[in-house]
Amino acid sequence: MNAYGIELRRSPLLTALPLLVVVDLIVLFGRSRYWIGVWPEASVAAQVVTIFLGPLLAAVSAWQAGRSSRSGMPETVLAAARPLWRIEAARLAATLTLGLGAYAIGCLTAAGISLNEAGPGFLWPSYLLLGMATLVIFASVGHLAGRWWPSAAFTPIVCALGCFISMLALPIKFNVLAGPPDQHLQPLPVALRLLFALALAVLAVTAPPLRRSDERQMPRQRTAWHLRFAAAGSAVVSVIALVATAAAGELRVDRPASAVKPLCDRAEKGSPEVCVWPEHGKYLPELTLMAQRLDQSGSWLKSPQSFHEFGLRRTYLGDGGFDIAEGHVRTAAIAMADGVFAKSLGTCSPPPEEKRVWQAMDNIRLWLEYRSMGQDPSVSDKGLHMQGVEAAQNEAARASRASESEQRKWLAKERSYILQESAWCTADDQL
């Protein structure tokens, strides 16, 4: 504990801790803010910070581990009363304490700011453990590299760049960038990554140091058998854990709808019901209003009795639920409009050469989307990049700004193109 306290006070991370926290918060809030109030997305936002904290921790760990060798006193360390592995463990523990401390502050900030908007629950531990494993892996890699190649500048820089590039380029992922509630992390891949991190940490502190040319004249101190066993065992376990991680499959998989009870509500009696994942409860009031507007679109337009978020009603034929992408309900309007169109006209497949019919179908769908949003089309489409439907956007926007009577006439005209041939549309029995 004394050695740990000394290493903690001597660590450059102690001075840089406020800067680490600032970087953590900048990444947390600068990347996006739609995660606020959604527990899985808040967990991912806190975990994404490790993309930047990890390489920095690897660099500092490499610098710290090579400090005694650079000062020319490895023989002093070898002759110390405490075993070498204890000194190295205290050094690595000090680096991890400060790095994980900055990470914990970011996690607690994400949790605190989400409490007011989020429903029952808390940050998802699987995402936080994934971020912790990443930090331990990078700190351990840096520590081992610093012990073997104790350069004050080259080794830390290589460790930082190598860890950052590996984070982005390796096929085995140690981070996730999004946390939709319809997906979750599998326990086995997370556990294997934690095992890999633990094995690397043991290897980093028990591996025998490389002998430099000026040290080869000195008699080599024989490493205790239990340390050799620990180093060899941790190396084997780390390789096995890495291979098993690659073979364990996808880190993130679909979350079964049966795992939770969805939140369902309607704007008023008689309006369509809208159901979402419990973690997306903050969007439910706006979604129910969207469903109500679609239900009041027109005499011949029929709305489904309910709308469900993506993942709540998976079938072997697919999932027709709406999606909330990066906090935007505009993407939900697309699926809702498709549901109303299919309920009213069925599944339509006119011949490819009937360009005007296809155009009418796009026009009505876009008009329904604008109708559900209850905003001017220019506001609704802000930040949404759609290709190939510019003509439909312009026509639907023009129609949605007209009076109610003119909109009904326009809808009847567009519908007449689609119903020229009854065989083009068939009723959808699933709606």
Protein backbone atom coordinates (compact mmCIF):
# COMPACT_ATOMS: atom_id res chain seq x y z
CA MET A 1 0.00 0.00 0.00
CA ASN A 2 2.91 2.36 0.67
CA ALA A 3 4.31 1.68 -2.78
CA TYR A 4 0.85 2.18 -4.25
CA GLY A 5 0.49 5.54 -2.48
CA ILE A 6 3.91 6.68 -3.71
CA GLU A 7 3.13 5.69 -7.31
CA LEU A 8 -0.23 7.39 -7.07
CA ARG A 9 1.33 10.67 -5.96
CA ARG A 10 4.12 10.47 -8.55
CA SER A 11 1.84 9.63 -11.48
CA PRO A 12 1.54 12.39 -14.12
CA LEU A 13 -2.11 11.37 -14.38
CA LEU A 14 -2.71 12.86 -10.94
CA THR A 15 -1.82 16.32 -12.24
CA ALA A 16 -3.64 15.68 -15.49
CA LEU A 17 -6.76 14.23 -13.85
CA PRO A 18 -8.79 17.46 -14.21
CA LEU A 19 -7.83 17.54 -17.90
CA LEU A 20 -8.91 13.91 -18.28
CA VAL A 21 -12.27 14.72 -16.73
CA VAL A 22 -12.68 17.71 -19.07
CA VAL A 23 -11.89 15.52 -22.09
CA ASP A 24 -14.35 12.93 -20.78
CA LEU A 25 -17.14 15.49 -20.49
CA ILE A 26 -16.36 17.11 -23.85
CA VAL A 27 -16.66 13.74 -25.60
CA LEU A 28 -19.74 12.86 -23.55
CA PHE A 29 -21.69 16.00 -24.44
CA GLY A 30 -19.96 17.08 -27.64
CA ARG A 31 -20.66 13.94 -29.66
CA SER A 32 -24.45 14.09 -29.16
CA ARG A 33 -27.05 14.65 -26.47
CA TYR A 34 -29.96 12.50 -27.58
CA TRP A 35 -28.77 9.85 -25.11
CA ILE A 36 -29.95 11.92 -22.16
CA GLY A 37 -32.89 10.16 -20.54
CA VAL A 38 -32.34 6.80 -22.29
CA TRP A 39 -30.40 4.39 -20.07
CA PRO A 40 -28.75 2.13 -22.68
CA GLU A 41 -27.78 5.09 -24.85
CA ALA A 42 -26.45 6.99 -21.83
CA SER A 43 -24.39 3.91 -20.96
CA VAL A 44 -22.93 3.78 -24.46
CA ALA A 45 -22.19 7.53 -24.40
CA ALA A 46 -20.20 7.04 -21.19
CA GLN A 47 -18.40 4.01 -22.66
CA VAL A 48 -17.47 5.71 -25.96
CA VAL A 49 -15.13 7.99 -24.02
CA THR A 50 -12.70 5.05 -23.70
CA ILE A 51 -11.81 5.48 -27.38
CA PHE A 52 -9.85 8.56 -26.27
CA LEU A 53 -9.04 7.70 -22.65
CA GLY A 54 -7.66 4.26 -23.56
CA PRO A 55 -4.77 5.40 -25.80
CA LEU A 56 -3.90 8.17 -23.34
CA LEU A 57 -3.84 5.67 -20.50
CA ALA A 58 -1.60 3.35 -22.55
CA ALA A 59 0.90 6.17 -23.15
CA VAL A 60 1.05 7.22 -19.49
CA SER A 61 1.30 3.60 -18.37
CA ALA A 62 4.26 3.03 -20.73
CA TRP A 63 6.00 6.15 -19.43
CA GLN A 64 5.45 5.16 -15.82
CA ALA A 65 6.60 1.57 -16.29
CA GLY A 66 9.91 2.61 -17.89
CA ARG A 67 10.72 5.34 -15.41
CA SER A 68 12.99 3.28 -13.11
CA SER A 69 14.97 1.87 -16.03
CA ARG A 70 15.49 5.35 -17.49
CA SER A 71 16.77 6.59 -14.14
CA GLY A 72 19.43 3.84 -14.22
CA MET A 73 18.33 1.94 -11.15
CA PRO A 74 16.92 -1.41 -12.25
CA GLU A 75 19.47 -3.12 -9.98
CA THR A 76 18.07 -1.11 -7.07
CA VAL A 77 14.62 -2.33 -7.89
CA LEU A 78 15.82 -5.90 -8.18
CA ALA A 79 17.51 -5.62 -4.79
CA ALA A 80 14.48 -4.08 -3.09
CA ALA A 81 12.94 -5.80 -0.13
CA ARG A 82 9.65 -6.16 -1.96
CA PRO A 83 9.32 -8.53 -4.92
CA LEU A 84 9.51 -6.87 -8.31
CA TRP A 85 5.98 -7.91 -9.26
CA ARG A 86 4.56 -6.06 -6.26
CA ILE A 87 6.27 -2.84 -7.30
CA GLU A 88 5.00 -3.24 -10.86
CA ALA A 89 1.50 -4.09 -9.61
CA ALA A 90 1.44 -0.94 -7.45
CA ARG A 91 2.57 1.13 -10.43
CA LEU A 92 -0.07 -0.30 -12.76
CA ALA A 93 -2.75 -0.05 -10.05
CA ALA A 94 -1.99 3.65 -9.57
CA THR A 95 -2.36 4.31 -13.30
CA LEU A 96 -5.63 2.34 -13.45
CA THR A 97 -7.01 4.08 -10.37
CA LEU A 98 -6.66 7.51 -11.94
CA GLY A 99 -7.79 6.40 -15.40
CA LEU A 100 -10.82 4.52 -14.09
CA GLY A 101 -11.53 7.44 -11.75
CA ALA A 102 -11.91 9.81 -14.71
CA TYR A 103 -14.05 7.18 -16.46
CA ALA A 104 -16.26 6.80 -13.36
CA ILE A 105 -16.82 10.56 -13.17
CA GLY A 106 -18.11 10.50 -16.76
CA CYS A 107 -20.40 7.55 -15.99
CA LEU A 108 -21.84 9.23 -12.91
CA THR A 109 -22.36 12.46 -14.86
CA ALA A 110 -24.27 10.58 -17.58
CA ALA A 111 -26.41 8.92 -14.92
CA GLY A 112 -27.08 12.10 -12.97
CA ILE A 113 -28.15 14.15 -15.97
CA SER A 114 -30.44 11.34 -17.22
CA LEU A 115 -32.33 10.80 -13.97
CA ASN A 116 -34.89 13.55 -14.56
CA GLU A 117 -35.92 12.35 -18.04
CA ALA A 118 -35.37 8.60 -17.85
CA GLY A 119 -37.84 6.09 -16.52
CA PRO A 120 -37.11 3.30 -14.05
CA GLY A 121 -33.71 1.70 -14.32
CA PHE A 122 -30.11 2.81 -14.40
CA LEU A 123 -27.00 2.62 -16.56
CA TRP A 124 -26.56 -0.83 -18.13
CA PRO A 125 -23.59 -2.54 -16.41
CA SER A 126 -22.57 -4.51 -19.52
CA TYR A 127 -21.63 -1.34 -21.43
CA LEU A 128 -19.74 0.09 -18.44
CA LEU A 129 -17.83 -3.18 -17.93
CA LEU A 130 -16.92 -3.19 -21.62
CA GLY A 131 -15.41 0.28 -21.24
CA MET A 132 -13.56 -0.75 -18.09
CA ALA A 133 -12.11 -3.80 -19.87
CA THR A 134 -10.86 -1.54 -22.66
CA LEU A 135 -9.05 0.75 -20.24
CA VAL A 136 -7.44 -2.16 -18.38
CA ILE A 137 -6.28 -3.74 -21.66
CA PHE A 138 -4.68 -0.55 -22.94
CA ALA A 139 -3.05 0.31 -19.60
CA SER A 140 -1.63 -3.23 -19.38
CA VAL A 141 -0.28 -3.14 -22.93
CA GLY A 142 1.35 0.20 -22.23
CA HIS A 143 2.82 -1.04 -18.94
CA LEU A 144 4.36 -4.13 -20.54
CA ALA A 145 5.74 -2.13 -23.46
CA GLY A 146 7.22 0.45 -21.09
CA ARG A 147 8.96 -2.23 -19.03
CA TRP A 148 10.52 -3.84 -22.09
CA TRP A 149 11.32 -0.68 -24.09
CA PRO A 150 11.66 2.16 -21.54
CA SER A 151 11.85 5.10 -23.95
CA ALA A 152 10.49 8.35 -22.54
CA ALA A 153 8.93 9.44 -25.83
CA PHE A 154 8.97 6.72 -28.50
CA THR A 155 7.23 3.95 -26.54
CA PRO A 156 4.37 6.11 -25.16
CA ILE A 157 3.70 7.60 -28.60
CA VAL A 158 3.70 4.20 -30.29
CA CYS A 159 1.42 2.79 -27.59
CA ALA A 160 -1.06 5.65 -27.90
CA LEU A 161 -1.20 5.52 -31.70
CA GLY A 162 -1.23 1.72 -31.82
CA CYS A 163 -4.05 1.43 -29.31
CA PHE A 164 -6.14 4.08 -31.07
CA ILE A 165 -5.69 2.47 -34.49
CA SER A 166 -6.39 -1.01 -33.11
CA MET A 167 -9.58 0.26 -31.48
CA LEU A 168 -10.87 1.32 -34.89
CA ALA A 169 -9.35 -1.28 -37.21
CA LEU A 170 -9.32 -4.65 -35.44
CA PRO A 171 -12.14 -7.07 -36.30
CA ILE A 172 -12.58 -7.79 -32.58
CA LYS A 173 -14.47 -4.82 -31.17
CA PHE A 174 -13.89 -3.53 -27.66
CA ASN A 175 -16.44 -0.73 -27.89
CA VAL A 176 -19.87 0.05 -29.31
CA LEU A 177 -21.03 3.37 -30.71
CA ALA A 178 -24.81 3.07 -30.26
CA GLY A 179 -27.14 1.57 -27.69
CA PRO A 180 -30.67 1.17 -29.05
CA PRO A 181 -33.02 -0.47 -26.53
CA ASP A 182 -33.91 -3.25 -28.97
CA GLN A 183 -30.36 -4.62 -28.67
CA HIS A 184 -28.11 -5.60 -25.78
CA LEU A 185 -24.65 -7.05 -25.14
CA GLN A 186 -24.23 -10.79 -24.81
CA PRO A 187 -22.79 -11.79 -21.42
CA LEU A 188 -20.22 -14.27 -22.80
CA PRO A 189 -18.35 -11.87 -25.14
CA VAL A 190 -18.22 -9.25 -22.38
CA ALA A 191 -16.92 -11.82 -19.87
CA LEU A 192 -14.24 -12.97 -22.33
CA ARG A 193 -13.06 -9.41 -22.84
CA LEU A 194 -12.85 -8.96 -19.08
CA LEU A 195 -10.87 -12.20 -18.81
CA PHE A 196 -8.52 -10.99 -21.56
CA ALA A 197 -8.04 -7.70 -19.68
CA LEU A 198 -7.29 -9.47 -16.40
CA ALA A 199 -4.82 -11.87 -18.03
CA LEU A 200 -2.98 -8.97 -19.70
CA ALA A 201 -2.79 -7.11 -16.40
CA VAL A 202 -1.22 -10.14 -14.70
CA LEU A 203 1.20 -10.60 -17.59
CA ALA A 204 2.18 -6.92 -17.49
CA VAL A 205 3.34 -7.12 -13.87
CA THR A 206 4.81 -10.66 -13.80
CA ALA A 207 6.63 -10.85 -17.15
CA PRO A 208 10.42 -10.83 -16.66
CA PRO A 209 12.11 -7.62 -17.81
CA LEU A 210 14.23 -7.63 -20.95
CA ARG A 211 17.96 -7.27 -20.25
CA ARG A 212 19.62 -4.32 -21.90
CA SER A 213 23.19 -4.50 -23.22
CA ASP A 214 24.63 -2.68 -20.19
CA GLU A 215 22.85 -5.10 -17.84
CA ARG A 216 24.09 -8.29 -19.48
CA GLN A 217 27.42 -7.98 -17.63
CA MET A 218 25.55 -8.31 -14.33
CA PRO A 219 24.57 -11.70 -12.96
CA ARG A 220 20.93 -12.45 -13.73
CA GLN A 221 18.69 -12.87 -10.71
CA ARG A 222 16.69 -16.04 -11.04
CA THR A 223 12.96 -15.43 -11.24
CA ALA A 224 10.88 -17.35 -8.70
CA TRP A 225 9.08 -20.35 -10.15
CA HIS A 226 5.64 -19.07 -9.16
CA LEU A 227 6.28 -15.81 -11.05
CA ARG A 228 7.40 -17.70 -14.12
CA PHE A 229 4.28 -19.83 -13.85
CA ALA A 230 2.06 -16.75 -13.42
CA ALA A 231 3.62 -15.01 -16.43
CA ALA A 232 3.39 -18.07 -18.67
CA GLY A 233 -0.12 -18.88 -17.46
CA SER A 234 -1.39 -15.34 -17.99
CA ALA A 235 0.13 -15.28 -21.49
CA VAL A 236 -1.62 -18.54 -22.37
CA VAL A 237 -4.91 -17.38 -20.86
CA SER A 238 -4.75 -14.06 -22.73
CA VAL A 239 -4.24 -15.86 -26.06
CA ILE A 240 -7.05 -18.31 -25.31
CA ALA A 241 -9.37 -15.48 -24.22
CA LEU A 242 -8.60 -13.51 -27.39
CA VAL A 243 -9.27 -16.51 -29.63
CA ALA A 244 -12.45 -17.30 -27.71
CA THR A 245 -13.56 -13.67 -28.02
CA ALA A 246 -13.22 -13.86 -31.79
CA ALA A 247 -15.17 -17.11 -31.84
CA ALA A 248 -17.90 -15.98 -29.45
CA GLY A 249 -19.84 -14.17 -32.16
CA GLU A 250 -21.43 -10.76 -32.20
CA LEU A 251 -20.95 -8.55 -29.16
CA ARG A 252 -24.39 -6.96 -29.52
CA VAL A 253 -27.51 -8.94 -30.42
CA ASP A 254 -31.27 -8.42 -30.58
CA ARG A 255 -32.95 -8.04 -27.23
CA PRO A 256 -35.99 -10.31 -26.82
CA ALA A 257 -39.26 -8.42 -26.50
CA SER A 258 -40.34 -10.85 -23.79
CA ALA A 259 -37.59 -9.48 -21.51
CA VAL A 260 -39.61 -6.34 -20.71
CA LYS A 261 -43.14 -5.03 -20.67
CA PRO A 262 -43.48 -2.30 -23.32
CA LEU A 263 -44.89 1.12 -22.51
CA CYS A 264 -48.15 1.74 -24.38
CA ASP A 265 -50.39 4.78 -24.53
CA ARG A 266 -52.74 6.70 -26.82
CA ALA A 267 -53.42 10.41 -27.21
CA GLU A 268 -57.14 10.00 -26.53
CA LYS A 269 -59.78 7.33 -26.49
CA GLY A 270 -60.25 5.92 -29.97
CA SER A 271 -56.81 6.97 -31.20
CA PRO A 272 -54.26 4.35 -32.25
CA GLU A 273 -52.15 2.89 -29.48
CA VAL A 274 -48.39 3.39 -29.56
CA CYS A 275 -46.00 1.00 -27.80
CA VAL A 276 -42.29 1.61 -27.21
CA TRP A 277 -39.44 0.02 -25.30
CA PRO A 278 -39.52 1.20 -21.65
CA GLU A 279 -36.20 2.99 -22.13
CA HIS A 280 -37.76 5.16 -24.87
CA GLY A 281 -40.64 6.30 -22.69
CA LYS A 282 -39.67 9.96 -23.05
CA TYR A 283 -40.70 9.84 -26.73
CA LEU A 284 -44.14 8.33 -26.08
CA PRO A 285 -46.15 11.61 -25.70
CA GLU A 286 -44.91 12.89 -29.07
CA LEU A 287 -45.43 9.55 -30.78
CA THR A 288 -49.03 9.26 -29.58
CA LEU A 289 -49.76 12.72 -31.04
CA MET A 290 -48.24 11.60 -34.33
CA ALA A 291 -50.48 8.53 -34.38
CA GLN A 292 -53.50 10.72 -33.60
CA ARG A 293 -52.75 13.07 -36.50
CA LEU A 294 -52.48 10.13 -38.89
CA ASP A 295 -55.80 8.76 -37.64
CA GLN A 296 -57.41 12.09 -38.52
CA SER A 297 -55.85 12.35 -41.99
CA GLY A 298 -58.92 11.77 -44.16
CA SER A 299 -62.07 9.79 -44.81
CA TRP A 300 -60.58 7.04 -46.97
CA LEU A 301 -57.29 6.86 -45.09
CA LYS A 302 -57.31 4.19 -42.39
CA SER A 303 -54.83 3.90 -39.56
CA PRO A 304 -53.74 0.64 -37.89
CA GLN A 305 -55.10 0.13 -34.39
CA SER A 306 -51.58 0.23 -32.95
CA PHE A 307 -48.01 1.15 -33.77
CA HIS A 308 -45.05 -0.68 -32.21
CA GLU A 309 -41.41 0.27 -31.98
CA PHE A 310 -38.91 -1.80 -33.88
CA GLY A 311 -38.07 -5.03 -32.06
CA LEU A 312 -41.30 -5.40 -30.10
CA ARG A 313 -43.05 -7.49 -32.75
CA ARG A 314 -40.45 -9.49 -34.65
CA THR A 315 -41.72 -12.19 -36.99
CA TYR A 316 -40.10 -14.57 -39.45
CA LEU A 317 -41.24 -12.17 -42.18
CA GLY A 318 -39.41 -9.22 -40.64
CA ASP A 319 -40.30 -6.28 -38.42
CA GLY A 320 -42.49 -3.43 -39.57
CA GLY A 321 -42.08 -1.39 -36.41
CA PHE A 322 -41.00 2.24 -36.35
CA ASP A 323 -37.50 3.31 -35.43
CA ILE A 324 -36.21 6.23 -33.37
CA ALA A 325 -32.82 7.05 -34.84
CA GLU A 326 -30.44 9.18 -32.77
CA GLY A 327 -33.28 10.81 -30.89
CA HIS A 328 -35.29 11.80 -33.99
CA VAL A 329 -38.96 10.73 -34.19
CA ARG A 330 -38.95 11.83 -37.84
CA THR A 331 -37.72 8.33 -38.73
CA ALA A 332 -40.69 6.89 -36.81
CA ALA A 333 -42.99 8.92 -39.05
CA ILE A 334 -41.72 6.98 -42.08
CA ALA A 335 -42.81 3.60 -40.71
CA MET A 336 -46.08 5.02 -39.36
CA ALA A 337 -46.91 6.52 -42.76
CA ASP A 338 -46.16 3.19 -44.45
CA GLY A 339 -48.54 1.50 -42.01
CA VAL A 340 -51.37 3.91 -42.84
CA PHE A 341 -50.71 3.59 -46.58
CA ALA A 342 -50.76 -0.23 -46.43
CA LYS A 343 -53.90 -0.23 -44.26
CA SER A 344 -55.70 2.13 -46.66
CA LEU A 345 -54.54 0.90 -50.07
CA GLY A 346 -52.82 -2.41 -49.38
CA THR A 347 -49.49 -3.54 -50.77
CA CYS A 348 -49.12 -1.90 -54.18
CA SER A 349 -46.81 -3.10 -56.95
CA PRO A 350 -47.63 -1.33 -60.22
CA PRO A 351 -45.58 -2.10 -63.36
CA PRO A 352 -42.18 -0.36 -63.45
CA GLU A 353 -43.14 1.69 -66.49
CA GLU A 354 -46.04 3.34 -64.62
CA LYS A 355 -43.88 6.23 -63.40
CA ARG A 356 -46.79 8.47 -62.45
CA VAL A 357 -48.31 5.76 -60.25
CA TRP A 358 -45.05 5.27 -58.39
CA GLN A 359 -44.80 9.03 -58.03
CA ALA A 360 -48.31 9.17 -56.54
CA MET A 361 -47.40 6.49 -54.01
CA ASP A 362 -44.32 8.46 -52.92
CA ASN A 363 -46.35 11.67 -52.78
CA ILE A 364 -48.98 10.19 -50.45
CA ARG A 365 -46.39 8.58 -48.18
CA LEU A 366 -44.44 11.83 -47.83
CA TRP A 367 -47.64 13.76 -47.20
CA LEU A 368 -48.57 11.30 -44.44
CA GLU A 369 -45.14 11.75 -42.87
CA TYR A 370 -45.52 15.54 -42.83
CA ARG A 371 -49.06 15.15 -41.51
CA SER A 372 -47.88 13.03 -38.59
CA MET A 373 -45.16 15.48 -37.60
CA GLY A 374 -47.57 18.44 -37.38
CA GLN A 375 -44.80 20.82 -38.51
CA ASP A 376 -43.83 22.66 -41.62
CA PRO A 377 -42.05 20.22 -43.97
CA SER A 378 -38.87 22.30 -43.94
CA VAL A 379 -38.70 21.82 -40.17
CA SER A 380 -39.62 18.14 -40.32
CA ASP A 381 -36.92 17.32 -42.88
CA LYS A 382 -34.15 19.22 -41.10
CA GLY A 383 -31.19 16.90 -40.62
CA LEU A 384 -32.81 14.11 -42.67
CA HIS A 385 -31.02 13.16 -45.89
CA MET A 386 -33.27 11.34 -48.35
CA GLN A 387 -32.21 10.55 -51.89
CA GLY A 388 -34.32 9.90 -54.97
CA VAL A 389 -37.54 11.44 -53.60
CA GLU A 390 -36.89 15.13 -54.18
CA ALA A 391 -39.91 15.46 -56.50
CA ALA A 392 -42.17 13.74 -53.95
CA GLN A 393 -40.82 15.94 -51.16
CA ASN A 394 -41.58 19.11 -53.09
CA GLU A 395 -45.07 17.95 -54.12
CA ALA A 396 -46.02 16.65 -50.66
CA ALA A 397 -44.66 19.80 -49.00
CA ARG A 398 -46.70 22.00 -51.33
CA ALA A 399 -49.84 19.96 -50.66
CA SER A 400 -49.37 19.91 -46.87
CA ARG A 401 -49.24 23.72 -46.79
CA ALA A 402 -52.60 24.01 -48.60
CA SER A 403 -56.03 24.22 -46.94
CA GLU A 404 -57.79 21.07 -45.73
CA SER A 405 -60.23 21.05 -48.64
CA GLU A 406 -57.43 21.44 -51.18
CA GLN A 407 -55.48 18.65 -49.47
CA ARG A 408 -58.46 16.30 -49.74
CA LYS A 409 -58.79 17.07 -53.47
CA TRP A 410 -55.07 16.49 -53.95
CA LEU A 411 -55.24 13.15 -52.10
CA ALA A 412 -58.19 12.00 -54.18
CA LYS A 413 -56.30 12.84 -57.36
CA GLU A 414 -53.16 10.99 -56.29
CA ARG A 415 -55.24 8.02 -55.16
CA SER A 416 -56.96 7.83 -58.54
CA TYR A 417 -53.63 7.17 -60.26
CA ILE A 418 -52.95 4.22 -57.95
CA LEU A 419 -56.43 2.71 -58.33
CA GLN A 420 -56.46 2.81 -62.14
CA GLU A 421 -55.92 -0.94 -62.08
CA SER A 422 -57.32 -2.90 -59.12
CA ALA A 423 -54.75 -5.68 -59.56
CA TRP A 424 -51.92 -3.31 -58.65
CA CYS A 425 -52.80 -3.30 -54.93
CA THR A 426 -53.65 -6.21 -52.65
CA ALA A 427 -54.95 -5.94 -49.09
CA ASP A 428 -52.41 -6.53 -46.33
CA ASP A 429 -53.96 -9.06 -43.93
CA GLN A 430 -51.38 -8.38 -41.21
CA LEU A 431 -52.64 -4.82 -40.61
